[in-house]
Amino acid sequence: MATERWVTVGKRWCEFRQGEALLLERRVFPSGFQRFYRAPRVIERKCDCAIECNMAGYPCKWAYTNPERDPFRGE
């Protein structure tokens, strides 16, 4: 049976929050012998303050409010 978990993939400065934000990926890890041959599959990405930004209407790909705007790109 495959396992699923959130993995921290980076830290970036968030202008909206005025603090550090964790970038997370939800990954599915294969089980059995496949775990040696297949990489984990990424099924979702978010920021640890996504709910806060989403409720404030801040346009950000990581908060699911604007898929075109990635404020962390380039860092």
PDB file of N, CA and C in Angstrom:
ATOM      1  N   MET A   1       0.840  -1.179   0.000  1.00  0.00           N
ATOM      2  CA  MET A   1       0.000   0.000   0.000  1.00  0.00           C
ATOM      3  C   MET A   1       0.890   1.248   0.000  1.00  0.00           C
ATOM      4  N   ALA A   2       0.592   2.180  -0.862  1.00  0.00           N
ATOM      5  CA  ALA A   2       1.367   3.415  -0.965  1.00  0.00           C
ATOM      6  C   ALA A   2       1.114   4.304   0.249  1.00  0.00           C
ATOM      7  N   THR A   3       2.117   5.099   0.583  1.00  0.00           N
ATOM      8  CA  THR A   3       1.958   6.044   1.694  1.00  0.00           C
ATOM      9  C   THR A   3       1.984   7.465   1.148  1.00  0.00           C
ATOM     10  N   GLU A   4       1.316   8.329   1.859  1.00  0.00           N
ATOM     11  CA  GLU A   4       1.160   9.721   1.442  1.00  0.00           C
ATOM     12  C   GLU A   4       1.561  10.620   2.596  1.00  0.00           C
ATOM     13  N   ARG A   5       2.328  11.690   2.291  1.00  0.00           N
ATOM     14  CA  ARG A   5       2.671  12.631   3.350  1.00  0.00           C
ATOM     15  C   ARG A   5       3.110  13.972   2.759  1.00  0.00           C
ATOM     16  N   TRP A   6       3.049  14.995   3.612  1.00  0.00           N
ATOM     17  CA  TRP A   6       3.501  16.334   3.244  1.00  0.00           C
ATOM     18  C   TRP A   6       4.993  16.421   3.517  1.00  0.00           C
ATOM     19  N   VAL A   7       5.743  16.986   2.548  1.00  0.00           N
ATOM     20  CA  VAL A   7       7.188  17.125   2.657  1.00  0.00           C
ATOM     21  C   VAL A   7       7.549  18.596   2.436  1.00  0.00           C
ATOM     22  N   THR A   8       8.380  19.147   3.307  1.00  0.00           N
ATOM     23  CA  THR A   8       8.855  20.522   3.137  1.00  0.00           C
ATOM     24  C   THR A   8       9.927  20.530   2.054  1.00  0.00           C
ATOM     25  N   VAL A   9       9.715  21.374   1.029  1.00  0.00           N
ATOM     26  CA  VAL A   9      10.660  21.420  -0.090  1.00  0.00           C
ATOM     27  C   VAL A   9      11.441  22.734  -0.147  1.00  0.00           C
ATOM     28  N   GLY A  10      11.095  23.669   0.711  1.00  0.00           N
ATOM     29  CA  GLY A  10      11.832  24.915   0.716  1.00  0.00           C
ATOM     30  C   GLY A  10      11.266  25.925   1.697  1.00  0.00           C
ATOM     31  N   LYS A  11      12.052  26.990   1.895  1.00  0.00           N
ATOM     32  CA  LYS A  11      11.631  28.116   2.732  1.00  0.00           C
ATOM     33  C   LYS A  11      11.872  29.374   1.927  1.00  0.00           C
ATOM     34  N   ARG A  12      10.916  30.296   1.961  1.00  0.00           N
ATOM     35  CA  ARG A  12      11.048  31.557   1.241  1.00  0.00           C
ATOM     36  C   ARG A  12      10.486  32.684   2.079  1.00  0.00           C
ATOM     37  N   TRP A  13      10.954  33.887   1.805  1.00  0.00           N
ATOM     38  CA  TRP A  13      10.421  35.077   2.452  1.00  0.00           C
ATOM     39  C   TRP A  13       9.100  35.428   1.785  1.00  0.00           C
ATOM     40  N   CYS A  14       8.063  35.641   2.577  1.00  0.00           N
ATOM     41  CA  CYS A  14       6.734  35.995   2.063  1.00  0.00           C
ATOM     42  C   CYS A  14       6.491  37.483   2.332  1.00  0.00           C
ATOM     43  N   GLU A  15       6.340  38.250   1.267  1.00  0.00           N
ATOM     44  CA  GLU A  15       6.095  39.688   1.402  1.00  0.00           C
ATOM     45  C   GLU A  15       4.757  39.964   2.087  1.00  0.00           C
ATOM     46  N   PHE A  16       3.743  39.193   1.755  1.00  0.00           N
ATOM     47  CA  PHE A  16       2.420  39.403   2.340  1.00  0.00           C
ATOM     48  C   PHE A  16       2.438  39.145   3.842  1.00  0.00           C
ATOM     49  N   ARG A  17       3.024  38.056   4.220  1.00  0.00           N
ATOM     50  CA  ARG A  17       3.055  37.648   5.625  1.00  0.00           C
ATOM     51  C   ARG A  17       4.154  38.367   6.419  1.00  0.00           C
ATOM     52  N   GLN A  18       5.132  38.902   5.699  1.00  0.00           N
ATOM     53  CA  GLN A  18       6.311  39.529   6.307  1.00  0.00           C
ATOM     54  C   GLN A  18       7.036  38.560   7.232  1.00  0.00           C
ATOM     55  N   GLY A  19       7.227  37.369   6.709  1.00  0.00           N
ATOM     56  CA  GLY A  19       7.917  36.324   7.454  1.00  0.00           C
ATOM     57  C   GLY A  19       8.260  35.170   6.543  1.00  0.00           C
ATOM     58  N   GLU A  20       8.887  34.183   7.105  1.00  0.00           N
ATOM     59  CA  GLU A  20       9.286  33.014   6.344  1.00  0.00           C
ATOM     60  C   GLU A  20       8.101  32.086   6.116  1.00  0.00           C
ATOM     61  N   ALA A  21       8.022  31.546   4.919  1.00  0.00           N
ATOM     62  CA  ALA A  21       6.956  30.606   4.568  1.00  0.00           C
ATOM     63  C   ALA A  21       7.577  29.275   4.156  1.00  0.00           C
ATOM     64  N   LEU A  22       6.954  28.176   4.547  1.00  0.00           N
ATOM     65  CA  LEU A  22       7.396  26.845   4.150  1.00  0.00           C
ATOM     66  C   LEU A  22       6.633  26.419   2.912  1.00  0.00           C
ATOM     67  N   LEU A  23       7.344  25.940   1.912  1.00  0.00           N
ATOM     68  CA  LEU A  23       6.717  25.407   0.708  1.00  0.00           C
ATOM     69  C   LEU A  23       6.634  23.898   0.872  1.00  0.00           C
ATOM     70  N   LEU A  24       5.437  23.358   0.665  1.00  0.00           N
ATOM     71  CA  LEU A  24       5.181  21.947   0.939  1.00  0.00           C
ATOM     72  C   LEU A  24       4.682  21.223  -0.310  1.00  0.00           C
ATOM     73  N   GLU A  25       4.993  19.947  -0.405  1.00  0.00           N
ATOM     74  CA  GLU A  25       4.462  19.072  -1.446  1.00  0.00           C
ATOM     75  C   GLU A  25       3.831  17.861  -0.782  1.00  0.00           C
ATOM     76  N   ARG A  26       2.674  17.484  -1.277  1.00  0.00           N
ATOM     77  CA  ARG A  26       2.032  16.244  -0.816  1.00  0.00           C
ATOM     78  C   ARG A  26       2.466  15.156  -1.788  1.00  0.00           C
ATOM     79  N   ARG A  27       3.190  14.183  -1.286  1.00  0.00           N
ATOM     80  CA  ARG A  27       3.763  13.138  -2.131  1.00  0.00           C
ATOM     81  C   ARG A  27       3.186  11.774  -1.795  1.00  0.00           C
ATOM     82  N   VAL A  28       3.071  10.948  -2.833  1.00  0.00           N
ATOM     83  CA  VAL A  28       2.658   9.553  -2.682  1.00  0.00           C
ATOM     84  C   VAL A  28       3.895   8.708  -2.948  1.00  0.00           C
ATOM     85  N   PHE A  29       4.278   7.927  -1.946  1.00  0.00           N
ATOM     86  CA  PHE A  29       5.446   7.072  -2.050  1.00  0.00           C
ATOM     87  C   PHE A  29       5.001   5.648  -2.373  1.00  0.00           C
ATOM     88  N   PRO A  30       5.583   5.033  -3.419  1.00  0.00           N
ATOM     89  CA  PRO A  30       5.206   3.664  -3.775  1.00  0.00           C
ATOM     90  C   PRO A  30       5.592   2.681  -2.674  1.00  0.00           C
ATOM     91  N   SER A  31       4.933   1.556  -2.687  1.00  0.00           N
ATOM     92  CA  SER A  31       5.225   0.538  -1.674  1.00  0.00           C
ATOM     93  C   SER A  31       5.866  -0.680  -2.335  1.00  0.00           C
ATOM     94  N   GLY A  32       6.249  -1.612  -1.503  1.00  0.00           N
ATOM     95  CA  GLY A  32       6.833  -2.854  -2.007  1.00  0.00           C
ATOM     96  C   GLY A  32       8.121  -2.614  -2.767  1.00  0.00           C
ATOM     97  N   PHE A  33       8.402  -3.490  -3.739  1.00  0.00           N
ATOM     98  CA  PHE A  33       9.641  -3.379  -4.498  1.00  0.00           C
ATOM     99  C   PHE A  33       9.653  -2.144  -5.392  1.00  0.00           C
ATOM    100  N   GLN A  34       8.485  -1.575  -5.689  1.00  0.00           N
ATOM    101  CA  GLN A  34       8.418  -0.390  -6.550  1.00  0.00           C
ATOM    102  C   GLN A  34       9.105   0.816  -5.921  1.00  0.00           C
ATOM    103  N   ARG A  35       9.204   0.846  -4.603  1.00  0.00           N
ATOM    104  CA  ARG A  35       9.818   2.006  -3.946  1.00  0.00           C
ATOM    105  C   ARG A  35      11.282   2.168  -4.342  1.00  0.00           C
ATOM    106  N   PHE A  36      11.902   1.105  -4.840  1.00  0.00           N
ATOM    107  CA  PHE A  36      13.298   1.186  -5.278  1.00  0.00           C
ATOM    108  C   PHE A  36      13.430   1.700  -6.710  1.00  0.00           C
ATOM    109  N   TYR A  37      12.351   1.623  -7.493  1.00  0.00           N
ATOM    110  CA  TYR A  37      12.425   1.938  -8.918  1.00  0.00           C
ATOM    111  C   TYR A  37      11.602   3.154  -9.340  1.00  0.00           C
ATOM    112  N   ARG A  38      10.691   3.571  -8.511  1.00  0.00           N
ATOM    113  CA  ARG A  38       9.815   4.687  -8.878  1.00  0.00           C
ATOM    114  C   ARG A  38       9.973   5.834  -7.888  1.00  0.00           C
ATOM    115  N   ALA A  39      10.018   7.031  -8.428  1.00  0.00           N
ATOM    116  CA  ALA A  39      10.108   8.232  -7.587  1.00  0.00           C
ATOM    117  C   ALA A  39       8.728   8.525  -6.997  1.00  0.00           C
ATOM    118  N   PRO A  40       8.689   9.227  -5.881  1.00  0.00           N
ATOM    119  CA  PRO A  40       7.382   9.613  -5.324  1.00  0.00           C
ATOM    120  C   PRO A  40       6.657  10.539  -6.299  1.00  0.00           C
ATOM    121  N   ARG A  41       5.348  10.481  -6.271  1.00  0.00           N
ATOM    122  CA  ARG A  41       4.518  11.301  -7.151  1.00  0.00           C
ATOM    123  C   ARG A  41       3.996  12.496  -6.359  1.00  0.00           C
ATOM    124  N   VAL A  42       4.161  13.695  -6.921  1.00  0.00           N
ATOM    125  CA  VAL A  42       3.661  14.915  -6.274  1.00  0.00           C
ATOM    126  C   VAL A  42       2.213  15.114  -6.709  1.00  0.00           C
ATOM    127  N   ILE A  43       1.303  15.218  -5.724  1.00  0.00           N
ATOM    128  CA  ILE A  43      -0.106  15.389  -6.067  1.00  0.00           C
ATOM    129  C   ILE A  43      -0.667  16.753  -5.669  1.00  0.00           C
ATOM    130  N   GLU A  44       0.097  17.507  -4.877  1.00  0.00           N
ATOM    131  CA  GLU A  44      -0.395  18.817  -4.450  1.00  0.00           C
ATOM    132  C   GLU A  44       0.774  19.634  -3.915  1.00  0.00           C
ATOM    133  N   ARG A  45       0.691  20.958  -4.112  1.00  0.00           N
ATOM    134  CA  ARG A  45       1.690  21.878  -3.558  1.00  0.00           C
ATOM    135  C   ARG A  45       0.970  22.997  -2.836  1.00  0.00           C
ATOM    136  N   LYS A  46       1.544  23.448  -1.712  1.00  0.00           N
ATOM    137  CA  LYS A  46       0.964  24.570  -0.990  1.00  0.00           C
ATOM    138  C   LYS A  46       2.024  25.205  -0.100  1.00  0.00           C
ATOM    139  N   CYS A  47       1.651  26.319   0.474  1.00  0.00           N
ATOM    140  CA  CYS A  47       2.484  27.046   1.417  1.00  0.00           C
ATOM    141  C   CYS A  47       1.876  26.825   2.801  1.00  0.00           C
ATOM    142  N   ASP A  48       2.681  26.912   3.842  1.00  0.00           N
ATOM    143  CA  ASP A  48       2.137  26.677   5.179  1.00  0.00           C
ATOM    144  C   ASP A  48       1.190  27.784   5.640  1.00  0.00           C
ATOM    145  N   CYS A  49       1.187  28.926   4.948  1.00  0.00           N
ATOM    146  CA  CYS A  49       0.239  29.994   5.311  1.00  0.00           C
ATOM    147  C   CYS A  49      -0.825  30.177   4.216  1.00  0.00           C
ATOM    148  N   ALA A  50      -1.086  29.143   3.438  1.00  0.00           N
ATOM    149  CA  ALA A  50      -2.034  29.214   2.332  1.00  0.00           C
ATOM    150  C   ALA A  50      -3.442  29.598   2.786  1.00  0.00           C
ATOM    151  N   ILE A  51      -3.894  29.069   3.907  1.00  0.00           N
ATOM    152  CA  ILE A  51      -5.249  29.375   4.379  1.00  0.00           C
ATOM    153  C   ILE A  51      -5.356  30.850   4.735  1.00  0.00           C
ATOM    154  N   GLU A  52      -4.370  31.362   5.436  1.00  0.00           N
ATOM    155  CA  GLU A  52      -4.347  32.776   5.822  1.00  0.00           C
ATOM    156  C   GLU A  52      -4.365  33.683   4.580  1.00  0.00           C
ATOM    157  N   CYS A  53      -3.527  33.387   3.605  1.00  0.00           N
ATOM    158  CA  CYS A  53      -3.468  34.189   2.374  1.00  0.00           C
ATOM    159  C   CYS A  53      -4.738  34.034   1.542  1.00  0.00           C
ATOM    160  N   ASN A  54      -5.265  32.822   1.510  1.00  0.00           N
ATOM    161  CA  ASN A  54      -6.483  32.562   0.751  1.00  0.00           C
ATOM    162  C   ASN A  54      -7.639  33.369   1.323  1.00  0.00           C
ATOM    163  N   MET A  55      -7.779  33.372   2.632  1.00  0.00           N
ATOM    164  CA  MET A  55      -8.879  34.103   3.260  1.00  0.00           C
ATOM    165  C   MET A  55      -8.727  35.618   3.080  1.00  0.00           C
ATOM    166  N   ALA A  56      -7.483  36.095   2.956  1.00  0.00           N
ATOM    167  CA  ALA A  56      -7.242  37.530   2.753  1.00  0.00           C
ATOM    168  C   ALA A  56      -7.348  37.912   1.278  1.00  0.00           C
ATOM    169  N   GLY A  57      -7.447  36.906   0.404  1.00  0.00           N
ATOM    170  CA  GLY A  57      -7.564  37.171  -1.027  1.00  0.00           C
ATOM    171  C   GLY A  57      -6.244  37.534  -1.684  1.00  0.00           C
ATOM    172  N   TYR A  58      -5.122  37.207  -1.046  1.00  0.00           N
ATOM    173  CA  TYR A  58      -3.804  37.493  -1.611  1.00  0.00           C
ATOM    174  C   TYR A  58      -3.581  36.611  -2.828  1.00  0.00           C
ATOM    175  N   PRO A  59      -3.266  37.202  -4.003  1.00  0.00           N
ATOM    176  CA  PRO A  59      -3.100  36.409  -5.223  1.00  0.00           C
ATOM    177  C   PRO A  59      -1.787  35.621  -5.222  1.00  0.00           C
ATOM    178  N   CYS A  60      -1.903  34.318  -5.086  1.00  0.00           N
ATOM    179  CA  CYS A  60      -0.714  33.479  -5.000  1.00  0.00           C
ATOM    180  C   CYS A  60      -1.028  32.057  -5.459  1.00  0.00           C
ATOM    181  N   LYS A  61      -0.152  31.520  -6.271  1.00  0.00           N
ATOM    182  CA  LYS A  61      -0.269  30.140  -6.748  1.00  0.00           C
ATOM    183  C   LYS A  61      -0.274  29.147  -5.583  1.00  0.00           C
ATOM    184  N   TRP A  62       0.527  29.409  -4.563  1.00  0.00           N
ATOM    185  CA  TRP A  62       0.672  28.494  -3.444  1.00  0.00           C
ATOM    186  C   TRP A  62      -0.520  28.543  -2.491  1.00  0.00           C
ATOM    187  N   ALA A  63      -1.349  29.597  -2.606  1.00  0.00           N
ATOM    188  CA  ALA A  63      -2.550  29.713  -1.771  1.00  0.00           C
ATOM    189  C   ALA A  63      -3.808  29.386  -2.581  1.00  0.00           C
ATOM    190  N   TYR A  64      -3.631  28.952  -3.818  1.00  0.00           N
ATOM    191  CA  TYR A  64      -4.721  28.556  -4.713  1.00  0.00           C
ATOM    192  C   TYR A  64      -5.629  29.727  -5.120  1.00  0.00           C
ATOM    193  N   THR A  65      -5.137  30.958  -5.047  1.00  0.00           N
ATOM    194  CA  THR A  65      -5.975  32.103  -5.414  1.00  0.00           C
ATOM    195  C   THR A  65      -5.623  32.667  -6.784  1.00  0.00           C
ATOM    196  N   ASN A  66      -4.435  32.348  -7.321  1.00  0.00           N
ATOM    197  CA  ASN A  66      -4.055  32.804  -8.654  1.00  0.00           C
ATOM    198  C   ASN A  66      -2.955  31.891  -9.190  1.00  0.00           C
ATOM    199  N   PRO A  67      -3.290  30.971 -10.089  1.00  0.00           N
ATOM    200  CA  PRO A  67      -2.288  30.017 -10.579  1.00  0.00           C
ATOM    201  C   PRO A  67      -1.185  30.659 -11.422  1.00  0.00           C
ATOM    202  N   GLU A  68      -1.396  31.892 -11.872  1.00  0.00           N
ATOM    203  CA  GLU A  68      -0.410  32.572 -12.703  1.00  0.00           C
ATOM    204  C   GLU A  68       0.648  33.311 -11.889  1.00  0.00           C
ATOM    205  N   ARG A  69       0.400  33.592 -10.626  1.00  0.00           N
ATOM    206  CA  ARG A  69       1.322  34.396  -9.816  1.00  0.00           C
ATOM    207  C   ARG A  69       2.032  33.544  -8.774  1.00  0.00           C
ATOM    208  N   ASP A  70       3.343  33.457  -8.938  1.00  0.00           N
ATOM    209  CA  ASP A  70       4.170  32.729  -7.981  1.00  0.00           C
ATOM    210  C   ASP A  70       5.148  33.719  -7.353  1.00  0.00           C
ATOM    211  N   PRO A  71       4.824  34.264  -6.175  1.00  0.00           N
ATOM    212  CA  PRO A  71       5.694  35.269  -5.570  1.00  0.00           C
ATOM    213  C   PRO A  71       7.054  34.714  -5.114  1.00  0.00           C
ATOM    214  N   PHE A  72       7.211  33.412  -5.072  1.00  0.00           N
ATOM    215  CA  PHE A  72       8.460  32.813  -4.623  1.00  0.00           C
ATOM    216  C   PHE A  72       9.392  32.488  -5.787  1.00  0.00           C
ATOM    217  N   ARG A  73       8.924  32.631  -7.007  1.00  0.00           N
ATOM    218  CA  ARG A  73       9.745  32.325  -8.179  1.00  0.00           C
ATOM    219  C   ARG A  73      10.893  33.333  -8.251  1.00  0.00           C
ATOM    220  N   GLY A  74      12.034  32.849  -8.550  1.00  0.00           N
ATOM    221  CA  GLY A  74      13.183  33.716  -8.689  1.00  0.00           C
ATOM    222  C   GLY A  74      14.034  33.821  -7.439  1.00  0.00           C
ATOM    223  N   GLU A  75      13.587  33.259  -6.353  1.00  0.00           N
ATOM    224  CA  GLU A  75      14.391  33.273  -5.130  1.00  0.00           C
ATOM    225  C   GLU A  75      15.172  31.999  -5.015  1.00  0.00           C
TER     226      GLU A  75
END
